[in-house]
């Protein structure tokens, strides 16, 4: 009994489809992991931006207060 491989047989086609689905599933998991990592990074950068804006506002308020002390304005 010689067994010839037929690439168009149902089993071969289903096997290729199953492999492609597994590849797609793996890629989707990698994309979700990457997305979560990027989301964390974006949140950190947004928080840094707001802290920096707050620090800049406080610094400018302090500079203005000191300037007003020296110029005698209230």
N, C-alpha and C. Protein backbone atom coordinates (compact mmCIF):
# COMPACT_ATOMS: atom_id res chain seq x y z
N UNK A 1 0.84 -1.18 0.00
CA UNK A 1 0.00 0.00 0.00
C UNK A 1 0.88 1.24 0.00
N UNK A 2 0.89 1.86 -1.10
CA UNK A 2 1.64 3.09 -1.22
C UNK A 2 0.72 4.25 -0.86
N UNK A 3 1.18 5.07 0.03
CA UNK A 3 0.38 6.21 0.44
C UNK A 3 0.93 7.46 -0.24
N UNK A 4 0.15 8.03 -1.10
CA UNK A 4 0.56 9.25 -1.80
C UNK A 4 -0.04 10.45 -1.09
N UNK A 5 0.79 11.46 -0.95
CA UNK A 5 0.32 12.70 -0.32
C UNK A 5 -0.42 13.52 -1.36
N UNK A 6 -1.64 13.89 -1.03
CA UNK A 6 -2.44 14.72 -1.91
C UNK A 6 -2.66 16.06 -1.22
N UNK A 7 -2.01 17.15 -1.70
CA UNK A 7 -2.15 18.44 -1.04
C UNK A 7 -3.55 19.03 -1.11
N UNK A 8 -4.37 18.48 -2.00
CA UNK A 8 -5.74 18.98 -2.12
C UNK A 8 -6.75 18.14 -1.36
N UNK A 9 -6.28 17.16 -0.60
CA UNK A 9 -7.21 16.33 0.15
C UNK A 9 -7.81 17.15 1.30
N UNK A 10 -8.93 16.70 1.79
CA UNK A 10 -9.64 17.41 2.85
C UNK A 10 -8.77 17.51 4.10
N UNK A 11 -8.09 16.44 4.46
CA UNK A 11 -7.25 16.47 5.65
C UNK A 11 -6.10 17.47 5.51
N UNK A 12 -5.49 17.52 4.34
CA UNK A 12 -4.38 18.46 4.12
C UNK A 12 -4.88 19.90 4.17
N UNK A 13 -6.01 20.16 3.55
CA UNK A 13 -6.57 21.51 3.55
C UNK A 13 -6.95 21.93 4.96
N UNK A 14 -7.61 21.04 5.69
CA UNK A 14 -7.99 21.36 7.07
C UNK A 14 -6.77 21.56 7.96
N UNK A 15 -5.74 20.80 7.73
CA UNK A 15 -4.51 20.96 8.49
C UNK A 15 -3.88 22.32 8.24
N UNK A 16 -3.86 22.76 6.98
CA UNK A 16 -3.31 24.08 6.67
C UNK A 16 -4.16 25.19 7.28
N UNK A 17 -5.46 25.04 7.23
CA UNK A 17 -6.37 26.03 7.81
C UNK A 17 -6.15 26.11 9.33
N UNK A 18 -6.02 24.96 9.96
CA UNK A 18 -5.80 24.93 11.40
C UNK A 18 -4.48 25.62 11.76
N UNK A 19 -3.43 25.38 10.98
CA UNK A 19 -2.14 26.02 11.23
C UNK A 19 -2.24 27.53 11.07
N UNK A 20 -2.95 27.97 10.05
CA UNK A 20 -3.12 29.41 9.84
C UNK A 20 -3.89 30.04 11.00
N UNK A 21 -4.91 29.36 11.48
CA UNK A 21 -5.68 29.88 12.62
C UNK A 21 -4.82 29.97 13.88
N UNK A 22 -3.97 28.99 14.09
CA UNK A 22 -3.06 29.03 15.23
C UNK A 22 -2.08 30.19 15.10
N UNK A 23 -1.58 30.43 13.90
CA UNK A 23 -0.67 31.55 13.66
C UNK A 23 -1.36 32.88 13.93
N UNK A 24 -2.59 33.00 13.44
CA UNK A 24 -3.35 34.23 13.65
C UNK A 24 -3.62 34.44 15.14
N UNK A 25 -3.97 33.39 15.84
CA UNK A 25 -4.23 33.47 17.27
C UNK A 25 -2.98 33.93 18.02
N UNK A 26 -1.83 33.39 17.66
CA UNK A 26 -0.57 33.78 18.29
C UNK A 26 -0.27 35.25 18.02
N UNK A 27 -0.47 35.69 16.79
CA UNK A 27 -0.23 37.09 16.44
C UNK A 27 -1.16 38.02 17.21
N UNK A 28 -2.41 37.63 17.37
CA UNK A 28 -3.37 38.45 18.12
C UNK A 28 -2.95 38.57 19.58
N UNK A 29 -2.47 37.48 20.17
CA UNK A 29 -2.00 37.53 21.56
C UNK A 29 -0.81 38.47 21.67
N UNK A 30 0.11 38.43 20.71
CA UNK A 30 1.27 39.31 20.73
C UNK A 30 0.84 40.77 20.59
N UNK A 31 -0.12 41.03 19.73
CA UNK A 31 -0.62 42.40 19.53
C UNK A 31 -1.28 42.91 20.81
N UNK A 32 -2.06 42.08 21.47
CA UNK A 32 -2.71 42.49 22.73
C UNK A 32 -1.68 42.79 23.80
N UNK A 33 -0.64 41.98 23.88
CA UNK A 33 0.43 42.22 24.84
C UNK A 33 1.12 43.54 24.54
N UNK A 34 1.41 43.76 23.28
CA UNK A 34 2.05 45.00 22.86
C UNK A 34 1.15 46.20 23.14
N UNK A 35 -0.13 46.05 22.89
CA UNK A 35 -1.09 47.12 23.14
C UNK A 35 -1.14 47.48 24.62
N UNK A 36 -1.15 46.47 25.48
CA UNK A 36 -1.17 46.74 26.92
C UNK A 36 0.10 47.47 27.36
N UNK A 37 1.22 47.06 26.80
CA UNK A 37 2.49 47.71 27.11
C UNK A 37 2.47 49.17 26.66
N UNK A 38 1.98 49.41 25.47
CA UNK A 38 1.90 50.78 24.97
C UNK A 38 0.93 51.63 25.77
N UNK A 39 -0.17 51.03 26.21
CA UNK A 39 -1.15 51.76 27.01
C UNK A 39 -0.55 52.21 28.34
N UNK A 40 0.23 51.33 28.96
CA UNK A 40 0.90 51.69 30.21
C UNK A 40 1.88 52.83 29.98
N UNK A 41 2.63 52.74 28.88
CA UNK A 41 3.62 53.78 28.57
C UNK A 41 2.93 55.12 28.32
N UNK A 42 1.83 55.10 27.60
CA UNK A 42 1.08 56.33 27.32
C UNK A 42 0.57 56.94 28.62
N UNK A 43 0.06 56.11 29.52
CA UNK A 43 -0.43 56.62 30.80
C UNK A 43 0.69 57.27 31.60
N UNK A 44 1.85 56.65 31.60
CA UNK A 44 3.00 57.23 32.31
C UNK A 44 3.37 58.57 31.71
N UNK A 45 3.42 58.65 30.38
CA UNK A 45 3.78 59.91 29.73
C UNK A 45 2.73 60.99 29.96
N UNK A 46 1.45 60.62 29.96
CA UNK A 46 0.40 61.60 30.24
C UNK A 46 0.51 62.13 31.66
N UNK A 47 0.75 61.23 32.61
CA UNK A 47 0.91 61.68 34.00
C UNK A 47 2.12 62.58 34.13
N UNK A 48 3.21 62.24 33.47
CA UNK A 48 4.41 63.08 33.51
C UNK A 48 4.10 64.47 32.95
N UNK A 49 3.33 64.52 31.88
CA UNK A 49 2.97 65.81 31.28
C UNK A 49 2.19 66.67 32.28
N UNK A 50 1.24 66.07 32.98
CA UNK A 50 0.44 66.84 33.91
C UNK A 50 1.26 67.29 35.13
N UNK A 51 2.13 66.42 35.61
CA UNK A 51 3.01 66.84 36.71
C UNK A 51 3.94 67.95 36.27
N UNK A 52 4.45 67.86 35.06
CA UNK A 52 5.34 68.90 34.55
C UNK A 52 4.59 70.22 34.38
N UNK A 53 3.36 70.17 33.89
CA UNK A 53 2.56 71.39 33.78
C UNK A 53 2.29 71.99 35.16
N UNK A 54 1.99 71.15 36.13
CA UNK A 54 1.76 71.64 37.49
C UNK A 54 3.01 72.26 38.08
N UNK A 55 4.15 71.63 37.86
CA UNK A 55 5.40 72.18 38.37
C UNK A 55 5.70 73.51 37.68
N UNK A 56 5.49 73.59 36.37
CA UNK A 56 5.75 74.84 35.64
C UNK A 56 4.83 75.95 36.14
N UNK A 57 3.57 75.64 36.40
CA UNK A 57 2.64 76.65 36.91
C UNK A 57 3.07 77.11 38.31
N UNK A 58 3.46 76.18 39.15
CA UNK A 58 3.92 76.54 40.50
C UNK A 58 5.19 77.38 40.42
N UNK A 59 6.11 77.01 39.53
CA UNK A 59 7.35 77.76 39.37
C UNK A 59 7.06 79.19 38.90
N UNK A 60 6.18 79.33 37.93
CA UNK A 60 5.85 80.67 37.43
C UNK A 60 5.15 81.50 38.51
N UNK A 61 4.29 80.86 39.29
CA UNK A 61 3.64 81.56 40.39
C UNK A 61 4.67 82.03 41.41
N UNK A 62 5.64 81.19 41.72
CA UNK A 62 6.70 81.56 42.66
C UNK A 62 7.54 82.71 42.12
N UNK A 63 7.90 82.65 40.84
CA UNK A 63 8.69 83.72 40.23
C UNK A 63 7.91 85.02 40.26
N UNK A 64 6.65 84.97 39.94
CA UNK A 64 5.82 86.17 39.95
C UNK A 64 5.69 86.73 41.37
N UNK A 65 5.56 85.86 42.35
CA UNK A 65 5.46 86.31 43.74
C UNK A 65 6.74 87.01 44.18
N UNK A 66 7.88 86.41 43.86
CA UNK A 66 9.17 87.02 44.23
C UNK A 66 9.36 88.34 43.49
N UNK A 67 8.99 88.40 42.24
CA UNK A 67 9.11 89.63 41.46
C UNK A 67 8.25 90.73 42.08
N UNK A 68 7.05 90.38 42.48
CA UNK A 68 6.16 91.35 43.11
C UNK A 68 6.70 91.81 44.46
N UNK A 69 7.39 90.94 45.19
CA UNK A 69 7.99 91.34 46.47
C UNK A 69 9.08 92.40 46.24
N UNK A 70 9.88 92.20 45.20
CA UNK A 70 10.98 93.13 44.94
C UNK A 70 10.50 94.44 44.32
N UNK A 71 9.45 94.40 43.55
CA UNK A 71 8.96 95.62 42.93
C UNK A 71 7.98 96.39 43.81
N UNK A 72 7.51 95.79 44.86
CA UNK A 72 6.61 96.45 45.80
C UNK A 72 5.15 96.38 45.39
N UNK A 73 4.82 95.59 44.38
CA UNK A 73 3.42 95.43 43.99
C UNK A 73 2.77 94.39 44.86
N UNK A 74 1.47 94.51 45.03
CA UNK A 74 0.79 93.52 45.86
C UNK A 74 -0.06 92.60 45.04
